[in-house]
PDB file of all heavy atoms in Angstrom:
ATOM      1  N   ILE A   1      -3.543  -5.512  -5.403  1.00  0.00           N
ATOM      2  CA  ILE A   1      -3.275  -4.104  -5.717  1.00  0.00           C
ATOM      3  C   ILE A   1      -4.212  -3.192  -4.914  1.00  0.00           C
ATOM      4  O   ILE A   1      -5.403  -3.471  -4.798  1.00  0.00           O
ATOM      5  CB  ILE A   1      -3.449  -3.817  -7.226  1.00  0.00           C
ATOM      6  CG1 ILE A   1      -2.493  -4.688  -8.048  1.00  0.00           C
ATOM      7  CG2 ILE A   1      -3.212  -2.347  -7.536  1.00  0.00           C
ATOM      8  CD1 ILE A   1      -2.708  -4.572  -9.542  1.00  0.00           C
ATOM      9  N   TYR A   2      -3.656  -2.095  -4.398  1.00  0.00           N
ATOM     10  CA  TYR A   2      -4.487  -1.094  -3.727  1.00  0.00           C
ATOM     11  C   TYR A   2      -3.999   0.307  -4.078  1.00  0.00           C
ATOM     12  O   TYR A   2      -2.840   0.524  -4.427  1.00  0.00           O
ATOM     13  CB  TYR A   2      -4.484  -1.296  -2.205  1.00  0.00           C
ATOM     14  CG  TYR A   2      -3.156  -1.072  -1.532  1.00  0.00           C
ATOM     15  CD1 TYR A   2      -2.745   0.200  -1.121  1.00  0.00           C
ATOM     16  CD2 TYR A   2      -2.295  -2.140  -1.274  1.00  0.00           C
ATOM     17  CE1 TYR A   2      -1.535   0.397  -0.494  1.00  0.00           C
ATOM     18  CE2 TYR A   2      -1.079  -1.949  -0.645  1.00  0.00           C
ATOM     19  CZ  TYR A   2      -0.704  -0.678  -0.252  1.00  0.00           C
ATOM     20  OH  TYR A   2       0.502  -0.486   0.372  1.00  0.00           O
ATOM     21  N   ILE A   3      -4.923   1.260  -3.980  1.00  0.00           N
ATOM     22  CA  ILE A   3      -4.615   2.675  -4.156  1.00  0.00           C
ATOM     23  C   ILE A   3      -5.351   3.453  -3.066  1.00  0.00           C
ATOM     24  O   ILE A   3      -6.290   2.941  -2.447  1.00  0.00           O
ATOM     25  CB  ILE A   3      -5.018   3.209  -5.552  1.00  0.00           C
ATOM     26  CG1 ILE A   3      -6.530   3.041  -5.766  1.00  0.00           C
ATOM     27  CG2 ILE A   3      -4.226   2.523  -6.647  1.00  0.00           C
ATOM     28  CD1 ILE A   3      -7.035   3.718  -7.028  1.00  0.00           C
ATOM     29  N   GLY A   4      -4.923   4.682  -2.837  1.00  0.00           N
ATOM     30  CA  GLY A   4      -5.582   5.483  -1.830  1.00  0.00           C
ATOM     31  C   GLY A   4      -5.244   6.951  -1.978  1.00  0.00           C
ATOM     32  O   GLY A   4      -4.321   7.333  -2.705  1.00  0.00           O
ATOM     33  N   GLY A   5      -5.981   7.771  -1.275  1.00  0.00           N
ATOM     34  CA  GLY A   5      -5.740   9.206  -1.303  1.00  0.00           C
ATOM     35  C   GLY A   5      -6.437   9.883  -0.153  1.00  0.00           C
ATOM     36  O   GLY A   5      -7.250   9.282   0.562  1.00  0.00           O
ATOM     37  N   GLY A   6      -6.108  11.148   0.037  1.00  0.00           N
ATOM     38  CA  GLY A   6      -6.732  11.901   1.114  1.00  0.00           C
ATOM     39  C   GLY A   6      -6.153  13.290   1.219  1.00  0.00           C
ATOM     40  O   GLY A   6      -5.364  13.736   0.373  1.00  0.00           O
ATOM     41  N   ALA A   7      -6.541  13.978   2.283  1.00  0.00           N
ATOM     42  CA  ALA A   7      -6.097  15.350   2.503  1.00  0.00           C
ATOM     43  C   ALA A   7      -6.162  15.653   3.986  1.00  0.00           C
ATOM     44  O   ALA A   7      -6.804  14.930   4.762  1.00  0.00           O
ATOM     45  CB  ALA A   7      -6.950  16.325   1.713  1.00  0.00           C
ATOM     46  N   SER A   8      -5.499  16.728   4.386  1.00  0.00           N
ATOM     47  CA  SER A   8      -5.517  17.161   5.782  1.00  0.00           C
ATOM     48  C   SER A   8      -6.004  18.589   5.866  1.00  0.00           C
ATOM     49  O   SER A   8      -5.973  19.344   4.880  1.00  0.00           O
ATOM     50  CB  SER A   8      -4.125  17.044   6.402  1.00  0.00           C
ATOM     51  OG  SER A   8      -3.260  18.031   5.865  1.00  0.00           O
ATOM     52  N   LEU A   9      -6.429  18.988   7.060  1.00  0.00           N
ATOM     53  CA  LEU A   9      -6.876  20.362   7.268  1.00  0.00           C
ATOM     54  C   LEU A   9      -5.738  21.351   7.097  1.00  0.00           C
ATOM     55  O   LEU A   9      -5.971  22.536   6.867  1.00  0.00           O
ATOM     56  CB  LEU A   9      -7.487  20.505   8.666  1.00  0.00           C
ATOM     57  CG  LEU A   9      -8.789  19.746   8.931  1.00  0.00           C
ATOM     58  CD1 LEU A   9      -9.314  20.085  10.321  1.00  0.00           C
ATOM     59  CD2 LEU A   9      -9.840  20.077   7.869  1.00  0.00           C
ATOM     60  N   GLY A  10      -4.499  20.869   7.214  1.00  0.00           N
ATOM     61  CA  GLY A  10      -3.349  21.748   7.043  1.00  0.00           C
ATOM     62  C   GLY A  10      -2.988  22.032   5.599  1.00  0.00           C
ATOM     63  O   GLY A  10      -2.015  22.725   5.330  1.00  0.00           O
ATOM     64  N   GLY A  11      -3.766  21.473   4.658  1.00  0.00           N
ATOM     65  CA  GLY A  11      -3.517  21.746   3.255  1.00  0.00           C
ATOM     66  C   GLY A  11      -2.586  20.773   2.584  1.00  0.00           C
ATOM     67  O   GLY A  11      -1.928  21.129   1.601  1.00  0.00           O
ATOM     68  N   ASN A  12      -2.520  19.525   3.085  1.00  0.00           N
ATOM     69  CA  ASN A  12      -1.688  18.499   2.469  1.00  0.00           C
ATOM     70  C   ASN A  12      -2.547  17.520   1.676  1.00  0.00           C
ATOM     71  O   ASN A  12      -3.607  17.098   2.142  1.00  0.00           O
ATOM     72  CB  ASN A  12      -0.916  17.718   3.534  1.00  0.00           C
ATOM     73  CG  ASN A  12       0.207  18.541   4.131  1.00  0.00           C
ATOM     74  OD1 ASN A  12       1.218  18.791   3.488  1.00  0.00           O
ATOM     75  ND2 ASN A  12       0.024  18.960   5.369  1.00  0.00           N
ATOM     76  N   PHE A  13      -2.057  17.132   0.512  1.00  0.00           N
ATOM     77  CA  PHE A  13      -2.687  16.086  -0.292  1.00  0.00           C
ATOM     78  C   PHE A  13      -1.877  14.811  -0.156  1.00  0.00           C
ATOM     79  O   PHE A  13      -0.645  14.843  -0.194  1.00  0.00           O
ATOM     80  CB  PHE A  13      -2.748  16.507  -1.764  1.00  0.00           C
ATOM     81  CG  PHE A  13      -3.102  15.376  -2.694  1.00  0.00           C
ATOM     82  CD1 PHE A  13      -4.413  14.956  -2.825  1.00  0.00           C
ATOM     83  CD2 PHE A  13      -2.120  14.719  -3.422  1.00  0.00           C
ATOM     84  CE1 PHE A  13      -4.744  13.902  -3.666  1.00  0.00           C
ATOM     85  CE2 PHE A  13      -2.433  13.672  -4.269  1.00  0.00           C
ATOM     86  CZ  PHE A  13      -3.753  13.261  -4.388  1.00  0.00           C
ATOM     87  N   HIS A  14      -2.561  13.667   0.025  1.00  0.00           N
ATOM     88  CA  HIS A  14      -1.898  12.389   0.180  1.00  0.00           C
ATOM     89  C   HIS A  14      -2.292  11.454  -0.962  1.00  0.00           C
ATOM     90  O   HIS A  14      -3.452  11.401  -1.367  1.00  0.00           O
ATOM     91  CB  HIS A  14      -2.292  11.714   1.495  1.00  0.00           C
ATOM     92  CG  HIS A  14      -2.296  12.612   2.684  1.00  0.00           C
ATOM     93  ND1 HIS A  14      -1.169  13.253   3.135  1.00  0.00           N
ATOM     94  CD2 HIS A  14      -3.295  12.990   3.522  1.00  0.00           C
ATOM     95  CE1 HIS A  14      -1.465  13.974   4.196  1.00  0.00           C
ATOM     96  NE2 HIS A  14      -2.756  13.839   4.453  1.00  0.00           N
ATOM     97  N   PHE A  15      -1.323  10.681  -1.418  1.00  0.00           N
ATOM     98  CA  PHE A  15      -1.591   9.616  -2.384  1.00  0.00           C
ATOM     99  C   PHE A  15      -0.780   8.392  -1.986  1.00  0.00           C
ATOM    100  O   PHE A  15       0.350   8.514  -1.505  1.00  0.00           O
ATOM    101  CB  PHE A  15      -1.201  10.036  -3.804  1.00  0.00           C
ATOM    102  CG  PHE A  15      -1.209   8.903  -4.783  1.00  0.00           C
ATOM    103  CD1 PHE A  15      -2.399   8.446  -5.330  1.00  0.00           C
ATOM    104  CD2 PHE A  15      -0.024   8.276  -5.141  1.00  0.00           C
ATOM    105  CE1 PHE A  15      -2.412   7.373  -6.214  1.00  0.00           C
ATOM    106  CE2 PHE A  15      -0.017   7.210  -6.035  1.00  0.00           C
ATOM    107  CZ  PHE A  15      -1.223   6.762  -6.572  1.00  0.00           C
ATOM    108  N   GLU A  16      -1.362   7.216  -2.136  1.00  0.00           N
ATOM    109  CA  GLU A  16      -0.629   5.993  -1.841  1.00  0.00           C
ATOM    110  C   GLU A  16      -1.046   4.896  -2.802  1.00  0.00           C
ATOM    111  O   GLU A  16      -2.155   4.893  -3.340  1.00  0.00           O
ATOM    112  CB  GLU A  16      -0.861   5.540  -0.401  1.00  0.00           C
ATOM    113  CG  GLU A  16      -2.306   5.248  -0.062  1.00  0.00           C
ATOM    114  CD  GLU A  16      -2.468   4.752   1.364  1.00  0.00           C
ATOM    115  OE1 GLU A  16      -1.651   3.921   1.802  1.00  0.00           O
ATOM    116  OE2 GLU A  16      -3.421   5.190   2.034  1.00  0.00           O
ATOM    117  N   ALA A  17      -0.146   3.975  -3.028  1.00  0.00           N
ATOM    118  CA  ALA A  17      -0.413   2.825  -3.891  1.00  0.00           C
ATOM    119  C   ALA A  17       0.516   1.704  -3.470  1.00  0.00           C
ATOM    120  O   ALA A  17       1.593   1.934  -2.905  1.00  0.00           O
ATOM    121  CB  ALA A  17      -0.201   3.179  -5.360  1.00  0.00           C
ATOM    122  N   GLY A  18       0.086   0.483  -3.748  1.00  0.00           N
ATOM    123  CA  GLY A  18       0.932  -0.644  -3.390  1.00  0.00           C
ATOM    124  C   GLY A  18       0.399  -1.939  -3.936  1.00  0.00           C
ATOM    125  O   GLY A  18      -0.664  -1.994  -4.559  1.00  0.00           O
ATOM    126  N   PHE A  19       1.151  -2.984  -3.689  1.00  0.00           N
ATOM    127  CA  PHE A  19       0.724  -4.297  -4.132  1.00  0.00           C
ATOM    128  C   PHE A  19       1.152  -5.343  -3.112  1.00  0.00           C
ATOM    129  O   PHE A  19       2.044  -5.116  -2.290  1.00  0.00           O
ATOM    130  CB  PHE A  19       1.275  -4.628  -5.523  1.00  0.00           C
ATOM    131  CG  PHE A  19       2.762  -4.536  -5.654  1.00  0.00           C
ATOM    132  CD1 PHE A  19       3.562  -5.645  -5.457  1.00  0.00           C
ATOM    133  CD2 PHE A  19       3.367  -3.323  -5.979  1.00  0.00           C
ATOM    134  CE1 PHE A  19       4.944  -5.566  -5.586  1.00  0.00           C
ATOM    135  CE2 PHE A  19       4.747  -3.235  -6.115  1.00  0.00           C
ATOM    136  CZ  PHE A  19       5.536  -4.361  -5.904  1.00  0.00           C
ATOM    137  N   VAL A  20       0.469  -6.472  -3.154  1.00  0.00           N
ATOM    138  CA  VAL A  20       0.679  -7.561  -2.212  1.00  0.00           C
ATOM    139  C   VAL A  20       1.185  -8.776  -2.981  1.00  0.00           C
ATOM    140  O   VAL A  20       0.610  -9.162  -4.004  1.00  0.00           O
ATOM    141  CB  VAL A  20      -0.620  -7.910  -1.461  1.00  0.00           C
ATOM    142  CG1 VAL A  20      -0.367  -9.034  -0.451  1.00  0.00           C
ATOM    143  CG2 VAL A  20      -1.193  -6.674  -0.768  1.00  0.00           C
ATOM    144  N   ILE A  21       2.259  -9.380  -2.475  1.00  0.00           N
ATOM    145  CA  ILE A  21       2.858 -10.552  -3.107  1.00  0.00           C
ATOM    146  C   ILE A  21       2.576 -11.778  -2.244  1.00  0.00           C
ATOM    147  O   ILE A  21       2.871 -11.780  -1.043  1.00  0.00           O
ATOM    148  CB  ILE A  21       4.367 -10.373  -3.296  1.00  0.00           C
ATOM    149  CG1 ILE A  21       4.665  -9.146  -4.176  1.00  0.00           C
ATOM    150  CG2 ILE A  21       4.996 -11.625  -3.898  1.00  0.00           C
ATOM    151  CD1 ILE A  21       6.130  -8.829  -4.296  1.00  0.00           C
ATOM    152  N   ALA A  22       1.985 -12.803  -2.867  1.00  0.00           N
ATOM    153  CA  ALA A  22       1.721 -14.079  -2.189  1.00  0.00           C
ATOM    154  C   ALA A  22       0.906 -13.898  -0.918  1.00  0.00           C
ATOM    155  O   ALA A  22       1.037 -14.686   0.037  1.00  0.00           O
ATOM    156  CB  ALA A  22       3.029 -14.807  -1.891  1.00  0.00           C
ATOM    157  N   ASP A  23       0.074 -12.858  -0.874  1.00  0.00           N
ATOM    158  CA  ASP A  23      -0.834 -12.614   0.242  1.00  0.00           C
ATOM    159  C   ASP A  23      -0.106 -12.304   1.559  1.00  0.00           C
ATOM    160  O   ASP A  23      -0.732 -12.280   2.617  1.00  0.00           O
ATOM    161  CB  ASP A  23      -1.758 -13.819   0.449  1.00  0.00           C
ATOM    162  CG  ASP A  23      -3.072 -13.431   1.118  1.00  0.00           C
ATOM    163  OD1 ASP A  23      -3.565 -12.321   0.841  1.00  0.00           O
ATOM    164  OD2 ASP A  23      -3.596 -14.233   1.909  1.00  0.00           O
ATOM    165  N   GLN A  24       1.224 -12.068   1.498  1.00  0.00           N
ATOM    166  CA  GLN A  24       1.973 -11.859   2.732  1.00  0.00           C
ATOM    167  C   GLN A  24       2.879 -10.629   2.711  1.00  0.00           C
ATOM    168  O   GLN A  24       3.003  -9.938   3.721  1.00  0.00           O
ATOM    169  CB  GLN A  24       2.832 -13.095   3.044  1.00  0.00           C
ATOM    170  CG  GLN A  24       2.035 -14.315   3.449  1.00  0.00           C
ATOM    171  CD  GLN A  24       2.940 -15.469   3.806  1.00  0.00           C
ATOM    172  OE1 GLN A  24       3.579 -16.068   2.935  1.00  0.00           O
ATOM    173  NE2 GLN A  24       3.022 -15.800   5.083  1.00  0.00           N
ATOM    174  N   LEU A  25       3.514 -10.353   1.584  1.00  0.00           N
ATOM    175  CA  LEU A  25       4.440  -9.224   1.493  1.00  0.00           C
ATOM    176  C   LEU A  25       3.728  -8.035   0.856  1.00  0.00           C
ATOM    177  O   LEU A  25       3.267  -8.109  -0.281  1.00  0.00           O
ATOM    178  CB  LEU A  25       5.667  -9.596   0.663  1.00  0.00           C
ATOM    179  CG  LEU A  25       6.684  -8.466   0.416  1.00  0.00           C
ATOM    180  CD1 LEU A  25       7.259  -7.964   1.738  1.00  0.00           C
ATOM    181  CD2 LEU A  25       7.785  -8.922  -0.519  1.00  0.00           C
ATOM    182  N   ARG A  26       3.635  -6.937   1.605  1.00  0.00           N
ATOM    183  CA  ARG A  26       2.971  -5.726   1.125  1.00  0.00           C
ATOM    184  C   ARG A  26       4.015  -4.628   0.912  1.00  0.00           C
ATOM    185  O   ARG A  26       4.767  -4.282   1.820  1.00  0.00           O
ATOM    186  CB  ARG A  26       1.905  -5.274   2.122  1.00  0.00           C
ATOM    187  CG  ARG A  26       1.055  -4.105   1.644  1.00  0.00           C
ATOM    188  CD  ARG A  26      -0.121  -3.834   2.559  1.00  0.00           C
ATOM    189  NE  ARG A  26       0.267  -3.435   3.892  1.00  0.00           N
ATOM    190  CZ  ARG A  26       0.212  -4.212   4.960  1.00  0.00           C
ATOM    191  NH1 ARG A  26      -0.174  -5.469   4.845  1.00  0.00           N
ATOM    192  NH2 ARG A  26       0.583  -3.766   6.151  1.00  0.00           N
ATOM    193  N   ILE A  27       4.059  -4.090  -0.304  1.00  0.00           N
ATOM    194  CA  ILE A  27       4.995  -3.023  -0.657  1.00  0.00           C
ATOM    195  C   ILE A  27       4.183  -1.778  -1.005  1.00  0.00           C
ATOM    196  O   ILE A  27       3.330  -1.824  -1.902  1.00  0.00           O
ATOM    197  CB  ILE A  27       5.889  -3.428  -1.846  1.00  0.00           C
ATOM    198  CG1 ILE A  27       6.646  -4.719  -1.522  1.00  0.00           C
ATOM    199  CG2 ILE A  27       6.860  -2.313  -2.198  1.00  0.00           C
ATOM    200  CD1 ILE A  27       7.434  -5.271  -2.679  1.00  0.00           C
ATOM    201  N   GLY A  28       4.425  -0.678  -0.304  1.00  0.00           N
ATOM    202  CA  GLY A  28       3.626   0.518  -0.502  1.00  0.00           C
ATOM    203  C   GLY A  28       4.456   1.760  -0.742  1.00  0.00           C
ATOM    204  O   GLY A  28       5.608   1.857  -0.292  1.00  0.00           O
ATOM    205  N   TYR A  29       3.863   2.696  -1.447  1.00  0.00           N
ATOM    206  CA  TYR A  29       4.490   3.999  -1.704  1.00  0.00           C
ATOM    207  C   TYR A  29       3.497   5.096  -1.335  1.00  0.00           C
ATOM    208  O   TYR A  29       2.312   5.041  -1.703  1.00  0.00           O
ATOM    209  CB  TYR A  29       4.884   4.130  -3.169  1.00  0.00           C
ATOM    210  CG  TYR A  29       5.253   5.551  -3.565  1.00  0.00           C
ATOM    211  CD1 TYR A  29       6.461   6.105  -3.172  1.00  0.00           C
ATOM    212  CD2 TYR A  29       4.367   6.339  -4.305  1.00  0.00           C
ATOM    213  CE1 TYR A  29       6.802   7.406  -3.509  1.00  0.00           C
ATOM    214  CE2 TYR A  29       4.702   7.638  -4.661  1.00  0.00           C
ATOM    215  CZ  TYR A  29       5.913   8.176  -4.252  1.00  0.00           C
ATOM    216  OH  TYR A  29       6.238   9.472  -4.589  1.00  0.00           O
ATOM    217  N   GLY A  30       3.970   6.096  -0.592  1.00  0.00           N
ATOM    218  CA  GLY A  30       3.147   7.229  -0.216  1.00  0.00           C
ATOM    219  C   GLY A  30       3.747   8.534  -0.709  1.00  0.00           C
ATOM    220  O   GLY A  30       4.971   8.706  -0.730  1.00  0.00           O
ATOM    221  N   TYR A  31       2.874   9.456  -1.106  1.00  0.00           N
ATOM    222  CA  TYR A  31       3.306  10.757  -1.636  1.00  0.00           C
ATOM    223  C   TYR A  31       2.471  11.849  -0.983  1.00  0.00           C
ATOM    224  O   TYR A  31       1.239  11.738  -0.885  1.00  0.00           O
ATOM    225  CB  TYR A  31       3.114  10.782  -3.148  1.00  0.00           C
ATOM    226  CG  TYR A  31       3.381  12.128  -3.791  1.00  0.00           C
ATOM    227  CD1 TYR A  31       4.664  12.505  -4.164  1.00  0.00           C
ATOM    228  CD2 TYR A  31       2.330  13.023  -4.035  1.00  0.00           C
ATOM    229  CE1 TYR A  31       4.905  13.729  -4.755  1.00  0.00           C
ATOM    230  CE2 TYR A  31       2.563  14.254  -4.623  1.00  0.00           C
ATOM    231  CZ  TYR A  31       3.857  14.611  -4.983  1.00  0.00           C
ATOM    232  OH  TYR A  31       4.087  15.835  -5.569  1.00  0.00           O
ATOM    233  N   ASP A  32       3.139  12.897  -0.524  1.00  0.00           N
ATOM    234  CA  ASP A  32       2.465  14.070   0.051  1.00  0.00           C
ATOM    235  C   ASP A  32       2.898  15.316  -0.699  1.00  0.00           C
ATOM    236  O   ASP A  32       4.065  15.439  -1.096  1.00  0.00           O
ATOM    237  CB  ASP A  32       2.857  14.269   1.519  1.00  0.00           C
ATOM    238  CG  ASP A  32       2.049  13.397   2.461  1.00  0.00           C
ATOM    239  OD1 ASP A  32       1.548  12.350   2.001  1.00  0.00           O
ATOM    240  OD2 ASP A  32       1.951  13.754   3.644  1.00  0.00           O
ATOM    241  N   TYR A  33       1.965  16.244  -0.858  1.00  0.00           N
ATOM    242  CA  TYR A  33       2.339  17.569  -1.350  1.00  0.00           C
ATOM    243  C   TYR A  33       1.523  18.600  -0.585  1.00  0.00           C
ATOM    244  O   TYR A  33       0.289  18.512  -0.540  1.00  0.00           O
ATOM    245  CB  TYR A  33       2.089  17.723  -2.844  1.00  0.00           C
ATOM    246  CG  TYR A  33       2.669  19.014  -3.376  1.00  0.00           C
ATOM    247  CD1 TYR A  33       4.008  19.097  -3.736  1.00  0.00           C
ATOM    248  CD2 TYR A  33       1.889  20.175  -3.470  1.00  0.00           C
ATOM    249  CE1 TYR A  33       4.563  20.279  -4.184  1.00  0.00           C
ATOM    250  CE2 TYR A  33       2.438  21.364  -3.919  1.00  0.00           C
ATOM    251  CZ  TYR A  33       3.773  21.417  -4.277  1.00  0.00           C
ATOM    252  OH  TYR A  33       4.310  22.605  -4.709  1.00  0.00           O
ATOM    253  N   PRO A  34       2.168  19.587   0.038  1.00  0.00           N
ATOM    254  CA  PRO A  34       1.451  20.602   0.811  1.00  0.00           C
ATOM    255  C   PRO A  34       0.985  21.771  -0.066  1.00  0.00           C
ATOM    256  O   PRO A  34       1.798  22.452  -0.691  1.00  0.00           O
ATOM    257  CB  PRO A  34       2.493  21.056   1.838  1.00  0.00           C
ATOM    258  CG  PRO A  34       3.809  20.835   1.163  1.00  0.00           C
ATOM    259  CD  PRO A  34       3.629  19.671   0.219  1.00  0.00           C
ATOM    260  N   PHE A  35      -0.315  21.996  -0.111  1.00  0.00           N
ATOM    261  CA  PHE A  35      -0.860  23.142  -0.834  1.00  0.00           C
ATOM    262  C   PHE A  35      -1.030  24.314   0.131  1.00  0.00           C
ATOM    263  O   PHE A  35      -2.129  24.792   0.398  1.00  0.00           O
ATOM    264  CB  PHE A  35      -2.197  22.771  -1.478  1.00  0.00           C
ATOM    265  CG  PHE A  35      -2.050  21.824  -2.639  1.00  0.00           C
ATOM    266  CD1 PHE A  35      -2.221  20.466  -2.457  1.00  0.00           C
ATOM    267  CD2 PHE A  35      -1.732  22.293  -3.900  1.00  0.00           C
ATOM    268  CE1 PHE A  35      -2.080  19.588  -3.523  1.00  0.00           C
ATOM    269  CE2 PHE A  35      -1.590  21.427  -4.972  1.00  0.00           C
ATOM    270  CZ  PHE A  35      -1.764  20.067  -4.783  1.00  0.00           C
ATOM    271  N   ASN A  36       0.091  24.760   0.670  1.00  0.00           N
ATOM    272  CA  ASN A  36       0.091  25.905   1.570  1.00  0.00           C
ATOM    273  C   ASN A  36       1.371  26.687   1.331  1.00  0.00           C
ATOM    274  O   ASN A  36       2.041  26.511   0.320  1.00  0.00           O
ATOM    275  CB  ASN A  36      -0.045  25.449   3.032  1.00  0.00           C
ATOM    276  CG  ASN A  36       0.954  24.350   3.379  1.00  0.00           C
ATOM    277  OD1 ASN A  36       2.069  24.329   2.886  1.00  0.00           O
ATOM    278  ND2 ASN A  36       0.525  23.421   4.231  1.00  0.00           N
ATOM    279  N   THR A  37       1.738  27.546   2.274  1.00  0.00           N
ATOM    280  CA  THR A  37       2.882  28.437   2.049  1.00  0.00           C
ATOM    281  C   THR A  37       4.197  27.686   1.890  1.00  0.00           C
ATOM    282  O   THR A  37       5.103  28.158   1.206  1.00  0.00           O
ATOM    283  CB  THR A  37       3.014  29.435   3.212  1.00  0.00           C
ATOM    284  OG1 THR A  37       3.077  28.710   4.452  1.00  0.00           O
ATOM    285  CG2 THR A  37       1.817  30.364   3.247  1.00  0.00           C
ATOM    286  N   ILE A  38       4.305  26.491   2.503  1.00  0.00           N
ATOM    287  CA  ILE A  38       5.562  25.756   2.391  1.00  0.00           C
ATOM    288  C   ILE A  38       5.621  24.941   1.110  1.00  0.00           C
ATOM    289  O   ILE A  38       6.700  24.500   0.688  1.00  0.00           O
ATOM    290  CB  ILE A  38       5.767  24.832   3.610  1.00  0.00           C
ATOM    291  CG1 ILE A  38       7.218  24.337   3.665  1.00  0.00           C
ATOM    292  CG2 ILE A  38       4.801  23.637   3.562  1.00  0.00           C
ATOM    293  CD1 ILE A  38       7.531  23.509   4.890  1.00  0.00           C
ATOM    294  N   GLY A  39       4.474  24.725   0.431  1.00  0.00           N
ATOM    295  CA  GLY A  39       4.421  23.847  -0.731  1.00  0.00           C
ATOM    296  C   GLY A  39       5.460  24.124  -1.806  1.00  0.00           C
ATOM    297  O   GLY A  39       6.297  23.269  -2.097  1.00  0.00           O
ATOM    298  N   PRO A  40       5.460  25.303  -2.422  1.00  0.00           N
ATOM    299  CA  PRO A  40       6.433  25.559  -3.489  1.00  0.00           C
ATOM    300  C   PRO A  40       7.881  25.525  -3.012  1.00  0.00           C
ATOM    301  O   PRO A  40       8.787  25.192  -3.779  1.00  0.00           O
ATOM    302  CB  PRO A  40       6.048  26.968  -3.966  1.00  0.00           C
ATOM    303  CG  PRO A  40       4.634  27.149  -3.529  1.00  0.00           C
ATOM    304  CD  PRO A  40       4.519  26.408  -2.235  1.00  0.00           C
ATOM    305  N   VAL A  41       8.116  25.871  -1.738  1.00  0.00           N
ATOM    306  CA  VAL A  41       9.476  25.903  -1.203  1.00  0.00           C
ATOM    307  C   VAL A  41       9.892  24.527  -0.705  1.00  0.00           C
ATOM    308  O   VAL A  41      10.964  24.015  -1.024  1.00  0.00           O
ATOM    309  CB  VAL A  41       9.585  26.936  -0.063  1.00  0.00           C
ATOM    310  CG1 VAL A  41      10.987  26.910   0.535  1.00  0.00           C
ATOM    311  CG2 VAL A  41       9.241  28.327  -0.582  1.00  0.00           C
ATOM    312  N   GLY A  42       9.024  23.917   0.091  1.00  0.00           N
ATOM    313  CA  GLY A  42       9.374  22.644   0.709  1.00  0.00           C
ATOM    314  C   GLY A  42       9.316  21.469  -0.241  1.00  0.00           C
ATOM    315  O   GLY A  42      10.061  20.505  -0.100  1.00  0.00           O
ATOM    316  N   GLY A  43       8.411  21.513  -1.199  1.00  0.00           N
ATOM    317  CA  GLY A  43       8.304  20.412  -2.135  1.00  0.00           C
ATOM    318  C   GLY A  43       7.567  19.218  -1.564  1.00  0.00           C
ATOM    319  O   GLY A  43       6.906  19.295  -0.532  1.00  0.00           O
ATOM    320  N   SER A  44       7.698  18.090  -2.209  1.00  0.00           N
ATOM    321  CA  SER A  44       6.896  16.914  -1.902  1.00  0.00           C
ATOM    322  C   SER A  44       7.579  16.022  -0.868  1.00  0.00           C
ATOM    323  O   SER A  44       8.731  16.215  -0.496  1.00  0.00           O
ATOM    324  CB  SER A  44       6.628  16.128  -3.182  1.00  0.00           C
ATOM    325  OG  SER A  44       7.856  15.801  -3.820  1.00  0.00           O
ATOM    326  N   THR A  45       6.814  15.009  -0.435  1.00  0.00           N
ATOM    327  CA  THR A  45       7.289  14.015   0.518  1.00  0.00           C
ATOM    328  C   THR A  45       7.095  12.634  -0.083  1.00  0.00           C
ATOM    329  O   THR A  45       6.062  12.357  -0.707  1.00  0.00           O
ATOM    330  CB  THR A  45       6.514  14.130   1.842  1.00  0.00           C
ATOM    331  OG1 THR A  45       6.812  15.382   2.454  1.00  0.00           O
ATOM    332  CG2 THR A  45       6.871  13.012   2.792  1.00  0.00           C
ATOM    333  N   HIS A  46       8.080  11.758   0.098  1.00  0.00           N
ATOM    334  CA  HIS A  46       8.016  10.402  -0.448  1.00  0.00           C
ATOM    335  C   HIS A  46       8.242   9.399   0.680  1.00  0.00           C
ATOM    336  O   HIS A  46       9.076   9.623   1.562  1.00  0.00           O
ATOM    337  CB  HIS A  46       9.071  10.213  -1.533  1.00  0.00           C
ATOM    338  CG  HIS A  46       8.987  11.217  -2.634  1.00  0.00           C
ATOM    339  ND1 HIS A  46       8.188  11.055  -3.747  1.00  0.00           N
ATOM    340  CD2 HIS A  46       9.593  12.430  -2.784  1.00  0.00           C
ATOM    341  CE1 HIS A  46       8.307  12.091  -4.535  1.00  0.00           C
ATOM    342  NE2 HIS A  46       9.156  12.953  -3.978  1.00  0.00           N
TER     343      HIS A  46
END
């Protein structure tokens, strides 16, 4: 199991999480949300 996060100078927040099966198959999910002028209009990224 892993988790992660971060941000960019452009005002984006990043989140990620995932898990590893049998030490070989890695399945991950990433989420972005922009905290700038496009945020409320553009919405999130998956």
